[in-house]
Amino acid sequence: MVNLIDITANTLAQNTFCFEGSIVDIKKIPVPIENSKFGILNFTAVTSSETDKELDFVFSVDCSGSMCDRCSDGRSKMQHIIHTLKNMIIFLHEQAAANSNITINAFDTKIYKTVERVKITDENLNEILTKIEKLTPLESTNIELALRETSKYIQELKTDYPTNIVNHIFMTDGEATDGSREISLLKSLVVDDIFNAFIGFGIEHDAGLLNSVGSVGKSCYHFIDKLESAGFIYGEILHSVIYKILTDCEIKLTNGLIYDFKTNSWVSSLKIGDIISEANKTYNIVSSNPDEFSANIQGKLDDLVILYPSTRLDNTDLPKHIFRQRTLQLMFEANDYCHKKREEDNNFVWKIPSPEKKLADNLRVQSDSLKRKLAAFMEEMKKFMSDSNLMDDKFMKNLCDDIYICFRTFDTRYGNMYCTSRQISQGSQRQYTVSNTLTDERYATYGLSLPQSRALGRNNNLPILQHEVSRFDDTPYLTPQATQVMRFVSSNIEDNVEDAMTSTQDY
């Protein structure tokens, strides 16, 4: 008989909740229940070894002509992707317990079977790396074709290998310039019961499209703001697949509500996906009756469905988490503005009359109001940090980064990708997040003059924010194991090949 106590101890190291003693200020945190108290639910997963299950990785790699474009370091986008992809293959090869099969398909207006399904072995590692090296940028970008063909292939994999865990990693640098751009159609082509990572790199990709297809089922969207940092994102994705502890997890509450950052709403239960090795996650909760509040985390461990009851801690002050809650609310507002602006821009391009007579004027008013809100909130956070001796606190600095990047970008043509990425990273507590915003010179390079770039705060007497964005190492959600994987995938390819060959010889 399964010992559930041992299972609990071997999955979650701690699982607790606590509340503030005071009533929520509804002007700062609008909640749907009266006289409620703000709290947090926090859990930490144990450190686990890599999975022993057989895995299938399907890579869809954009090889359209724009992949020839040069990055700031002089290398092309394709060179960066080849480098990162090779490191990922080497990493998978070195995971002894993870039995990995890979398929690599490149796409433009056609599908190119770069690496047909193969198990990574000592004997074929160099052959696989050589095939990846031959990826060449060619024609336009047909995302519909890539999704349609990949969907068929994944269904075949699921039929032929029903016990394998299939994962799909889709990477593109641009918009769909061939095939359909209809989001509802593209979403219908995503296999919703497997893990899909949709990755847009560079500022010319269609963030709205990728974020939409990345909202289907177990999918996710990532934005690589700097190609030189691509390995960090791919490393985090690999870590989440190989070091998974629990799947299909959900937090269920009694006498309380939990915040859903995706919808900016308070709900009684929240699906949180998978729980990964060493994950330390915090969720914001409210209750009008904390003494009767209870929380359970439900998750699947292989074929078992297990409930993990949370333990209550004494009341405590939670000012940092209240600032995080308010940050998430403001980022939702910024993203809502970005969506409205995107629709208005599309209507202008296609000369479709706006459904609201003065929508453009309303957007300008909303933009100015939001800019002032962001600036005032940043000033409030900075004062709190100074008064509390928290100027070097990683948690608070990360919140300031969120507000600053939203402030700089939300009213530009790139607002959708930056604001969405920061919101998802903060809400999901990812270990890597975008930080490389456009400089004044780069705005000019991409044809956006400073007066048009209202987010720079240089017109209409709007506020200007001064802030230094944190480095990768300052991210508060980093874990030792994930950092190791991320640095490996980002490292020098020659060193990794040599290490892989050395380990093979030693074996």
Protein backbone atom coordinates (compact mmCIF):
# COMPACT_ATOMS: atom_id res chain seq x y z
CA MET A 1 0.00 0.00 0.00
CA VAL A 2 1.26 3.48 -0.87
CA ASN A 3 2.41 5.53 2.14
CA LEU A 4 0.88 8.97 1.50
CA ILE A 5 2.93 10.57 4.28
CA ASP A 6 6.14 9.52 2.56
CA ILE A 7 4.82 10.75 -0.80
CA THR A 8 4.00 14.16 0.69
CA ALA A 9 7.41 14.48 2.32
CA ASN A 10 9.12 13.51 -0.93
CA THR A 11 7.30 16.11 -3.04
CA LEU A 12 6.56 19.28 -1.05
CA ALA A 13 9.03 20.37 1.61
CA GLN A 14 6.53 22.89 3.02
CA ASN A 15 3.02 24.11 2.25
CA THR A 16 1.69 26.95 4.40
CA PHE A 17 -0.56 30.01 4.42
CA CYS A 18 -0.87 33.11 6.58
CA PHE A 19 -2.88 36.34 6.72
CA GLU A 20 -2.40 39.93 7.74
CA GLY A 21 -4.19 41.12 10.86
CA SER A 22 -5.74 44.17 9.22
CA ILE A 23 -8.60 44.49 6.72
CA VAL A 24 -7.73 44.86 3.02
CA ASP A 25 -7.62 48.40 1.67
CA ILE A 26 -10.05 47.94 -1.24
CA LYS A 27 -8.82 51.16 -2.89
CA LYS A 28 -5.47 49.47 -3.39
CA ILE A 29 -6.64 45.87 -3.75
CA PRO A 30 -10.24 45.60 -5.01
CA VAL A 31 -11.68 42.35 -3.70
CA PRO A 32 -15.21 40.96 -4.14
CA ILE A 33 -15.82 40.15 -0.47
CA GLU A 34 -16.27 42.64 2.36
CA ASN A 35 -14.03 42.92 5.43
CA SER A 36 -11.51 40.48 4.03
CA LYS A 37 -7.90 40.01 5.03
CA PHE A 38 -5.01 39.64 2.63
CA GLY A 39 -2.76 36.60 2.83
CA ILE A 40 -0.37 34.36 0.95
CA LEU A 41 -0.18 30.64 0.28
CA ASN A 42 3.39 29.40 -0.19
CA PHE A 43 4.84 26.00 -1.03
CA THR A 44 8.33 24.70 -1.72
CA ALA A 45 9.04 21.54 -3.71
CA VAL A 46 11.85 19.19 -2.79
CA THR A 47 14.95 18.77 -4.95
CA SER A 48 14.37 15.83 -7.28
CA SER A 49 16.43 13.93 -9.81
CA GLU A 50 15.62 13.93 -13.52
CA THR A 51 12.66 11.88 -14.73
CA ASP A 52 13.14 8.26 -15.74
CA LYS A 53 10.23 8.41 -18.18
CA GLU A 54 10.76 8.26 -21.93
CA LEU A 55 10.48 11.70 -23.49
CA ASP A 56 9.84 12.97 -26.99
CA PHE A 57 10.96 16.48 -27.93
CA VAL A 58 9.59 17.95 -31.15
CA PHE A 59 11.33 21.16 -32.24
CA SER A 60 9.76 23.48 -34.83
CA VAL A 61 12.43 25.96 -35.96
CA ASP A 62 11.73 29.03 -38.08
CA CYS A 63 14.20 29.12 -40.98
CA SER A 64 12.63 32.00 -42.91
CA GLY A 65 14.78 34.64 -44.58
CA SER A 66 14.64 37.05 -41.62
CA MET A 67 16.75 34.58 -39.64
CA CYS A 68 19.71 36.06 -41.54
CA ASP A 69 19.32 39.32 -39.58
CA ARG A 70 22.30 40.22 -37.42
CA CYS A 71 22.17 40.68 -33.66
CA SER A 72 24.14 43.19 -31.61
CA ASP A 73 27.08 40.78 -31.28
CA GLY A 74 27.38 40.41 -35.06
CA ARG A 75 26.01 36.88 -35.23
CA SER A 76 22.79 36.12 -37.10
CA LYS A 77 19.59 34.97 -35.42
CA MET A 78 20.06 31.56 -37.01
CA GLN A 79 23.56 31.24 -35.58
CA HIS A 80 22.21 31.95 -32.09
CA ILE A 81 19.39 29.43 -32.48
CA ILE A 82 21.76 26.76 -33.83
CA HIS A 83 24.09 27.36 -30.88
CA THR A 84 21.29 27.08 -28.32
CA LEU A 85 19.66 24.08 -30.01
CA LYS A 86 22.95 22.18 -30.04
CA ASN A 87 23.46 22.88 -26.34
CA MET A 88 19.95 21.59 -25.62
CA ILE A 89 20.70 18.35 -27.47
CA ILE A 90 23.98 17.91 -25.59
CA PHE A 91 22.21 18.53 -22.29
CA LEU A 92 19.54 15.92 -23.09
CA HIS A 93 22.29 13.49 -24.05
CA GLU A 94 23.96 13.91 -20.66
CA GLN A 95 20.82 13.21 -18.63
CA ALA A 96 21.36 9.53 -17.94
CA ALA A 97 17.92 8.87 -16.48
CA ALA A 98 16.01 10.87 -19.09
CA ASN A 99 15.45 8.68 -22.13
CA SER A 100 15.06 11.33 -24.85
CA ASN A 101 13.99 11.13 -28.46
CA ILE A 102 14.18 14.23 -30.63
CA THR A 103 12.61 15.40 -33.87
CA ILE A 104 13.70 18.69 -35.46
CA ASN A 105 11.64 20.25 -38.25
CA ALA A 106 12.57 23.59 -39.80
CA PHE A 107 9.91 25.62 -41.58
CA ASP A 108 9.37 28.60 -43.85
CA THR A 109 6.82 28.03 -46.63
CA LYS A 110 7.78 24.34 -46.51
CA ILE A 111 8.66 21.79 -43.85
CA TYR A 112 12.27 20.54 -43.73
CA LYS A 113 12.88 17.35 -41.76
CA THR A 114 16.24 18.35 -40.31
CA VAL A 115 16.46 15.49 -37.78
CA GLU A 116 13.93 12.68 -38.07
CA ARG A 117 12.92 11.04 -34.79
CA VAL A 118 15.96 9.52 -33.12
CA LYS A 119 17.06 8.58 -29.63
CA ILE A 120 20.15 10.55 -28.61
CA THR A 121 23.10 8.20 -28.09
CA ASP A 122 26.87 8.42 -27.76
CA GLU A 123 27.19 7.16 -31.32
CA ASN A 124 24.87 9.62 -33.07
CA LEU A 125 25.41 12.81 -31.04
CA ASN A 126 27.89 14.39 -33.46
CA GLU A 127 25.76 13.43 -36.46
CA ILE A 128 22.75 15.21 -34.93
CA LEU A 129 24.82 18.31 -34.17
CA THR A 130 26.13 18.38 -37.74
CA LYS A 131 22.58 18.27 -39.14
CA ILE A 132 21.56 21.18 -36.93
CA GLU A 133 24.56 23.15 -38.16
CA LYS A 134 23.16 22.98 -41.70
CA LEU A 135 19.98 24.94 -40.93
CA THR A 136 19.74 27.74 -43.51
CA PRO A 137 17.39 30.78 -43.68
CA LEU A 138 15.29 30.80 -46.85
CA GLU A 139 11.75 32.08 -47.59
CA SER A 140 8.64 33.49 -45.84
CA THR A 141 7.10 32.39 -42.53
CA ASN A 142 4.10 30.03 -42.64
CA ILE A 143 3.11 29.41 -39.03
CA GLU A 144 -0.14 27.71 -40.05
CA LEU A 145 1.77 25.08 -42.06
CA ALA A 146 4.20 24.47 -39.22
CA LEU A 147 1.41 24.02 -36.65
CA ARG A 148 -0.73 21.89 -38.93
CA GLU A 149 2.06 19.46 -39.82
CA THR A 150 3.36 19.32 -36.25
CA SER A 151 -0.13 18.57 -34.93
CA LYS A 152 -0.44 15.59 -37.29
CA TYR A 153 3.00 14.33 -36.31
CA ILE A 154 2.35 14.65 -32.57
CA GLN A 155 -0.90 12.71 -32.89
CA GLU A 156 1.06 9.95 -34.62
CA LEU A 157 3.62 9.93 -31.80
CA LYS A 158 0.87 9.66 -29.19
CA THR A 159 -0.64 6.72 -31.05
CA ASP A 160 2.65 4.89 -31.65
CA TYR A 161 4.18 5.62 -28.22
CA PRO A 162 1.26 6.10 -25.82
CA THR A 163 3.40 6.02 -22.65
CA ASN A 164 5.91 8.61 -23.86
CA ILE A 165 5.70 12.21 -22.69
CA VAL A 166 5.62 14.44 -25.77
CA ASN A 167 6.87 18.04 -25.64
CA HIS A 168 6.77 20.60 -28.44
CA ILE A 169 9.08 23.63 -28.63
CA PHE A 170 8.15 26.14 -31.33
CA MET A 171 10.48 29.03 -32.15
CA THR A 172 10.02 31.96 -34.53
CA ASP A 173 11.41 35.46 -34.98
CA GLY A 174 8.59 37.06 -36.94
CA GLU A 175 5.02 37.38 -38.04
CA ALA A 176 3.11 34.96 -40.26
CA THR A 177 3.86 36.26 -43.77
CA ASP A 178 2.37 33.22 -45.51
CA GLY A 179 -0.60 31.01 -44.67
CA SER A 180 -3.37 31.99 -42.26
CA ARG A 181 -2.97 34.57 -39.49
CA GLU A 182 -6.44 33.83 -38.08
CA ILE A 183 -5.80 33.27 -34.37
CA SER A 184 -8.82 31.03 -33.77
CA LEU A 185 -7.68 28.74 -36.59
CA LEU A 186 -4.08 28.63 -35.35
CA LYS A 187 -5.22 27.90 -31.80
CA SER A 188 -7.28 24.96 -33.10
CA LEU A 189 -4.07 23.42 -34.49
CA VAL A 190 -2.35 23.27 -31.09
CA VAL A 191 -2.38 19.86 -29.38
CA ASP A 192 -3.78 20.91 -26.02
CA ASP A 193 -2.94 17.91 -23.84
CA ILE A 194 0.85 18.08 -24.26
CA PHE A 195 3.38 20.72 -23.25
CA ASN A 196 3.92 23.36 -25.96
CA ALA A 197 6.39 26.22 -25.57
CA PHE A 198 5.89 29.01 -28.11
CA ILE A 199 8.97 31.20 -28.21
CA GLY A 200 9.24 34.52 -30.00
CA PHE A 201 12.72 35.98 -30.32
CA GLY A 202 13.50 39.51 -31.37
CA ILE A 203 11.07 42.41 -31.41
CA GLU A 204 9.54 41.70 -34.80
CA HIS A 205 7.59 38.56 -33.85
CA ASP A 206 3.81 38.62 -33.43
CA ALA A 207 3.47 38.61 -29.65
CA GLY A 208 -0.33 38.67 -29.77
CA LEU A 209 -0.45 35.59 -31.97
CA LEU A 210 2.12 33.58 -29.99
CA ASN A 211 0.59 34.53 -26.66
CA SER A 212 -2.82 33.39 -27.96
CA VAL A 213 -1.63 29.98 -29.17
CA GLY A 214 0.43 29.78 -25.97
CA SER A 215 -2.77 30.01 -23.91
CA VAL A 216 -4.13 26.70 -25.23
CA GLY A 217 -4.13 23.79 -22.78
CA LYS A 218 -0.68 23.15 -21.31
CA SER A 219 1.03 25.67 -23.58
CA CYS A 220 3.05 28.76 -22.68
CA TYR A 221 4.54 31.81 -24.39
CA HIS A 222 8.09 33.14 -23.95
CA PHE A 223 9.72 36.24 -25.38
CA ILE A 224 13.49 36.28 -25.95
CA ASP A 225 14.39 39.95 -25.86
CA LYS A 226 18.09 39.35 -26.46
CA LEU A 227 19.27 36.41 -28.58
CA GLU A 228 22.45 36.17 -26.54
CA SER A 229 20.24 35.20 -23.55
CA ALA A 230 18.19 32.58 -25.42
CA GLY A 231 19.86 29.73 -23.54
CA PHE A 232 18.41 30.91 -20.23
CA ILE A 233 14.84 30.55 -21.50
CA TYR A 234 15.45 27.23 -23.25
CA GLY A 235 17.24 26.00 -20.13
CA GLU A 236 14.29 26.90 -17.93
CA ILE A 237 11.95 25.09 -20.32
CA LEU A 238 14.11 21.94 -20.31
CA HIS A 239 14.33 22.02 -16.53
CA SER A 240 10.53 22.21 -16.25
CA VAL A 241 10.17 19.09 -18.41
CA ILE A 242 12.95 16.90 -17.05
CA TYR A 243 12.63 17.73 -13.33
CA LYS A 244 8.85 17.59 -13.02
CA ILE A 245 7.47 16.37 -9.66
CA LEU A 246 3.68 16.79 -9.87
CA THR A 247 1.42 17.36 -12.87
CA ASP A 248 -2.01 18.94 -13.44
CA CYS A 249 -1.98 20.75 -10.10
CA GLU A 250 -4.80 22.85 -8.72
CA ILE A 251 -5.20 24.93 -5.56
CA LYS A 252 -8.65 24.60 -3.97
CA LEU A 253 -9.85 26.90 -1.20
CA THR A 254 -12.59 26.89 1.39
CA ASN A 255 -13.80 30.21 2.85
CA GLY A 256 -11.45 32.24 0.72
CA LEU A 257 -10.37 33.33 -2.76
CA ILE A 258 -7.09 33.19 -4.68
CA TYR A 259 -5.84 35.72 -7.23
CA ASP A 260 -5.71 34.76 -10.92
CA PHE A 261 -3.27 37.17 -12.58
CA LYS A 262 -4.35 36.10 -16.09
CA THR A 263 -7.89 37.41 -15.60
CA ASN A 264 -7.27 39.90 -12.76
CA SER A 265 -9.93 38.15 -10.71
CA TRP A 266 -10.35 36.37 -7.37
CA VAL A 267 -11.47 32.74 -7.65
CA SER A 268 -12.12 29.78 -5.34
CA SER A 269 -9.78 27.42 -7.21
CA LEU A 270 -6.80 27.95 -9.49
CA LYS A 271 -5.10 25.57 -11.90
CA ILE A 272 -1.34 26.06 -11.62
CA GLY A 273 -0.01 23.42 -14.01
CA ASP A 274 2.99 21.33 -13.01
CA ILE A 275 5.18 21.62 -9.92
CA ILE A 276 8.89 21.44 -10.70
CA SER A 277 11.87 20.43 -8.56
CA GLU A 278 12.86 23.16 -6.06
CA ALA A 279 9.93 25.38 -7.06
CA ASN A 280 9.11 28.02 -4.43
CA LYS A 281 5.73 29.52 -5.32
CA THR A 282 3.58 32.12 -3.59
CA TYR A 283 -0.08 32.86 -4.34
CA ASN A 284 -2.13 35.76 -3.01
CA ILE A 285 -5.32 34.94 -1.11
CA VAL A 286 -8.09 36.77 0.74
CA SER A 287 -10.66 35.63 3.29
CA SER A 288 -13.31 37.32 5.40
CA ASN A 289 -13.03 34.44 7.86
CA PRO A 290 -9.38 33.35 8.10
CA ASP A 291 -10.12 31.11 11.11
CA GLU A 292 -12.27 28.90 8.88
CA PHE A 293 -10.02 29.14 5.82
CA SER A 294 -8.41 26.03 4.38
CA ALA A 295 -6.38 25.28 1.26
CA ASN A 296 -5.44 22.09 -0.52
CA ILE A 297 -3.06 21.53 -3.42
CA GLN A 298 -4.22 18.71 -5.65
CA GLY A 299 -1.68 17.12 -7.96
CA LYS A 300 -1.00 13.96 -9.93
CA LEU A 301 1.97 11.76 -9.14
CA ASP A 302 2.04 9.20 -11.93
CA ASP A 303 -1.42 7.61 -11.68
CA LEU A 304 -2.12 8.87 -8.15
CA VAL A 305 -4.17 12.00 -7.41
CA ILE A 306 -3.05 13.42 -4.06
CA LEU A 307 -4.28 16.28 -1.88
CA TYR A 308 -1.73 18.30 0.07
CA PRO A 309 -3.41 20.25 2.92
CA SER A 310 -1.79 23.59 3.73
CA THR A 311 -0.79 24.49 7.30
CA ARG A 312 -1.73 27.83 8.83
CA LEU A 313 0.95 30.12 10.27
CA ASP A 314 0.40 33.04 12.66
CA ASN A 315 -0.78 36.39 11.29
CA THR A 316 2.01 38.57 9.99
CA ASP A 317 2.55 41.79 8.04
CA LEU A 318 2.89 41.20 4.30
CA PRO A 319 3.77 44.61 2.77
CA LYS A 320 6.08 43.17 0.08
CA HIS A 321 3.39 40.78 -1.14
CA ILE A 322 0.81 43.56 -1.15
CA PHE A 323 3.13 45.52 -3.43
CA ARG A 324 3.40 42.44 -5.65
CA GLN A 325 -0.39 42.16 -5.80
CA ARG A 326 -0.70 45.81 -6.82
CA THR A 327 2.07 45.34 -9.40
CA LEU A 328 0.17 42.45 -10.99
CA GLN A 329 -3.01 44.53 -11.09
CA LEU A 330 -1.22 47.41 -12.83
CA MET A 331 0.42 45.07 -15.32
CA PHE A 332 -2.98 43.62 -16.18
CA GLU A 333 -4.20 47.18 -16.81
CA ALA A 334 -1.15 47.89 -19.01
CA ASN A 335 -1.80 44.73 -21.03
CA ASP A 336 -5.47 45.59 -21.39
CA TYR A 337 -4.39 48.92 -22.87
CA CYS A 338 -1.94 47.14 -25.20
CA HIS A 339 -4.73 44.89 -26.53
CA LYS A 340 -7.04 47.84 -27.17
CA LYS A 341 -4.26 49.77 -28.88
CA ARG A 342 -3.41 46.75 -31.03
CA GLU A 343 -7.03 46.50 -32.18
CA GLU A 344 -7.15 50.22 -32.96
CA ASP A 345 -3.86 50.02 -34.90
CA ASN A 346 -5.20 47.06 -36.90
CA ASN A 347 -8.41 48.96 -37.66
CA PHE A 348 -6.30 51.87 -38.90
CA VAL A 349 -4.17 49.65 -41.12
CA TRP A 350 -7.24 48.02 -42.67
CA LYS A 351 -9.27 51.27 -42.66
CA ILE A 352 -12.05 49.75 -40.58
CA PRO A 353 -14.17 52.41 -38.82
CA SER A 354 -13.67 52.32 -35.08
CA PRO A 355 -16.72 50.95 -33.21
CA GLU A 356 -16.35 53.82 -30.75
CA LYS A 357 -16.40 57.32 -32.16
CA LYS A 358 -13.56 58.63 -30.03
CA LEU A 359 -11.65 55.47 -29.24
CA ALA A 360 -8.29 56.96 -30.25
CA ASP A 361 -8.84 59.97 -27.96
CA ASN A 362 -9.95 57.65 -25.18
CA LEU A 363 -6.77 55.62 -25.59
CA ARG A 364 -4.64 58.76 -25.26
CA VAL A 365 -6.44 59.71 -22.06
CA GLN A 366 -6.07 56.15 -20.75
CA SER A 367 -2.39 56.14 -21.70
CA ASP A 368 -1.66 59.37 -19.82
CA SER A 369 -3.60 58.16 -16.79
CA LEU A 370 -1.81 54.81 -16.74
CA LYS A 371 1.57 56.48 -17.11
CA ARG A 372 0.89 58.62 -14.06
CA LYS A 373 -0.34 55.60 -12.09
CA LEU A 374 2.81 53.63 -12.90
CA ALA A 375 5.08 56.52 -11.99
CA ALA A 376 3.26 57.22 -8.71
CA PHE A 377 3.29 53.56 -7.76
CA MET A 378 7.02 53.31 -8.50
CA GLU A 379 7.66 56.34 -6.29
CA GLU A 380 5.60 54.72 -3.50
CA MET A 381 7.56 51.45 -3.79
CA LYS A 382 10.93 53.21 -3.82
CA LYS A 383 10.02 55.17 -0.69
CA PHE A 384 8.92 51.97 1.05
CA MET A 385 12.18 50.28 0.05
CA SER A 386 14.23 53.21 1.30
CA ASP A 387 12.34 53.49 4.59
CA SER A 388 12.54 49.72 5.15
CA ASN A 389 16.20 49.35 4.15
CA LEU A 390 15.17 47.17 1.16
CA MET A 391 16.87 49.00 -1.71
CA ASP A 392 18.89 45.85 -2.53
CA ASP A 393 16.02 43.42 -1.94
CA LYS A 394 15.70 41.19 -5.05
CA PHE A 395 11.96 40.70 -4.61
CA MET A 396 11.23 44.43 -4.51
CA LYS A 397 13.75 45.28 -7.24
CA ASN A 398 12.01 42.78 -9.51
CA LEU A 399 8.67 44.53 -8.95
CA CYS A 400 10.30 47.86 -9.79
CA ASP A 401 11.66 46.28 -12.99
CA ASP A 402 8.12 45.19 -13.92
CA ILE A 403 6.70 48.68 -13.47
CA TYR A 404 9.61 50.39 -15.22
CA ILE A 405 9.51 48.14 -18.29
CA CYS A 406 5.73 48.50 -18.58
CA PHE A 407 6.14 52.27 -18.26
CA ARG A 408 8.75 52.41 -21.03
CA THR A 409 6.98 50.13 -23.48
CA PHE A 410 3.21 49.90 -23.02
CA ASP A 411 2.37 52.72 -25.46
CA THR A 412 4.82 51.66 -28.16
CA ARG A 413 4.42 49.12 -30.95
CA TYR A 414 6.35 46.67 -28.76
CA GLY A 415 4.19 47.09 -25.66
CA ASN A 416 2.28 43.87 -26.18
CA MET A 417 5.35 41.62 -26.08
CA TYR A 418 7.15 43.39 -23.22
CA CYS A 419 4.15 43.94 -20.93
CA THR A 420 2.73 40.48 -21.57
CA SER A 421 6.10 38.83 -20.92
CA ARG A 422 6.70 40.68 -17.67
CA GLN A 423 3.13 39.96 -16.48
CA ILE A 424 3.44 36.24 -17.24
CA SER A 425 6.90 36.01 -15.68
CA GLN A 426 5.82 37.74 -12.47
CA GLY A 427 2.48 35.95 -12.24
CA SER A 428 4.02 32.53 -12.94
CA GLN A 429 7.20 33.39 -10.99
CA ARG A 430 9.49 32.36 -13.84
CA GLN A 431 13.22 32.29 -13.37
CA TYR A 432 14.05 34.34 -16.48
CA THR A 433 12.24 37.44 -17.65
CA VAL A 434 12.77 40.08 -20.33
CA SER A 435 14.85 43.08 -19.30
CA ASN A 436 16.48 44.36 -22.49
CA THR A 437 14.19 47.24 -23.49
CA LEU A 438 14.78 49.47 -26.48
CA THR A 439 17.16 52.40 -26.05
CA ASP A 440 16.40 55.78 -27.59
CA GLU A 441 18.74 54.92 -30.47
CA ARG A 442 17.01 51.59 -31.13
CA TYR A 443 13.60 53.31 -31.22
CA ALA A 444 14.97 55.45 -34.05
CA THR A 445 16.47 52.36 -35.71
CA TYR A 446 13.05 50.72 -35.83
CA GLY A 447 11.40 53.82 -37.25
CA LEU A 448 9.75 55.09 -34.07
CA SER A 449 10.48 58.73 -33.30
CA LEU A 450 10.73 59.89 -29.72
CA PRO A 451 7.54 62.03 -29.83
CA GLN A 452 5.64 58.95 -31.03
CA SER A 453 7.23 56.87 -28.33
CA ARG A 454 5.08 58.28 -25.56
CA ALA A 455 6.25 55.64 -23.09
CA LEU A 456 9.60 57.41 -22.87
CA GLY A 457 7.78 60.14 -20.98
CA ARG A 458 9.13 63.06 -23.00
CA ASN A 459 5.96 64.89 -23.97
CA ASN A 460 2.81 66.38 -22.47
CA ASN A 461 4.64 67.00 -19.17
CA LEU A 462 4.24 63.34 -18.30
CA PRO A 463 6.48 61.79 -15.64
CA ILE A 464 9.89 60.31 -16.39
CA LEU A 465 11.13 57.26 -14.51
CA GLN A 466 14.78 56.62 -13.70
CA HIS A 467 15.58 53.03 -12.80
CA GLU A 468 18.35 50.50 -13.38
CA VAL A 469 16.94 47.11 -14.40
CA SER A 470 18.25 44.10 -12.46
CA ARG A 471 20.67 41.55 -13.87
CA PHE A 472 19.68 37.93 -14.48
CA ASP A 473 21.39 36.83 -11.25
CA ASP A 474 19.14 39.17 -9.26
CA THR A 475 15.92 37.39 -10.25
CA PRO A 476 14.20 36.41 -6.97
CA TYR A 477 12.75 33.15 -8.30
CA LEU A 478 16.00 31.47 -9.34
CA THR A 479 16.67 27.99 -7.94
CA PRO A 480 20.08 26.30 -7.86
CA GLN A 481 19.12 23.33 -10.04
CA ALA A 482 17.37 25.40 -12.71
CA THR A 483 20.23 27.91 -12.77
CA GLN A 484 22.66 25.09 -13.48
CA VAL A 485 20.59 23.88 -16.44
CA MET A 486 20.10 27.41 -17.77
CA ARG A 487 23.81 28.18 -17.62
CA PHE A 488 24.65 24.92 -19.38
CA VAL A 489 22.34 25.67 -22.29
CA SER A 490 23.81 29.20 -22.48
CA SER A 491 27.44 28.10 -22.31
CA ASN A 492 30.15 27.67 -24.93
CA ILE A 493 29.18 24.95 -27.37
CA GLU A 494 32.74 23.68 -27.87
CA ASP A 495 33.21 23.14 -24.14
CA ASN A 496 29.95 21.20 -23.93
CA VAL A 497 30.86 18.95 -26.87
CA GLU A 498 34.27 18.24 -25.34
CA ASP A 499 32.69 17.47 -21.96
CA ALA A 500 30.14 15.18 -23.59
CA MET A 501 32.83 13.25 -25.48
CA THR A 502 34.98 13.02 -22.35
CA SER A 503 32.13 11.62 -20.31
CA THR A 504 31.47 9.09 -23.07
CA GLN A 505 35.10 7.95 -23.09
CA ASP A 506 35.15 7.72 -19.31
CA TYR A 507 32.03 5.61 -19.45
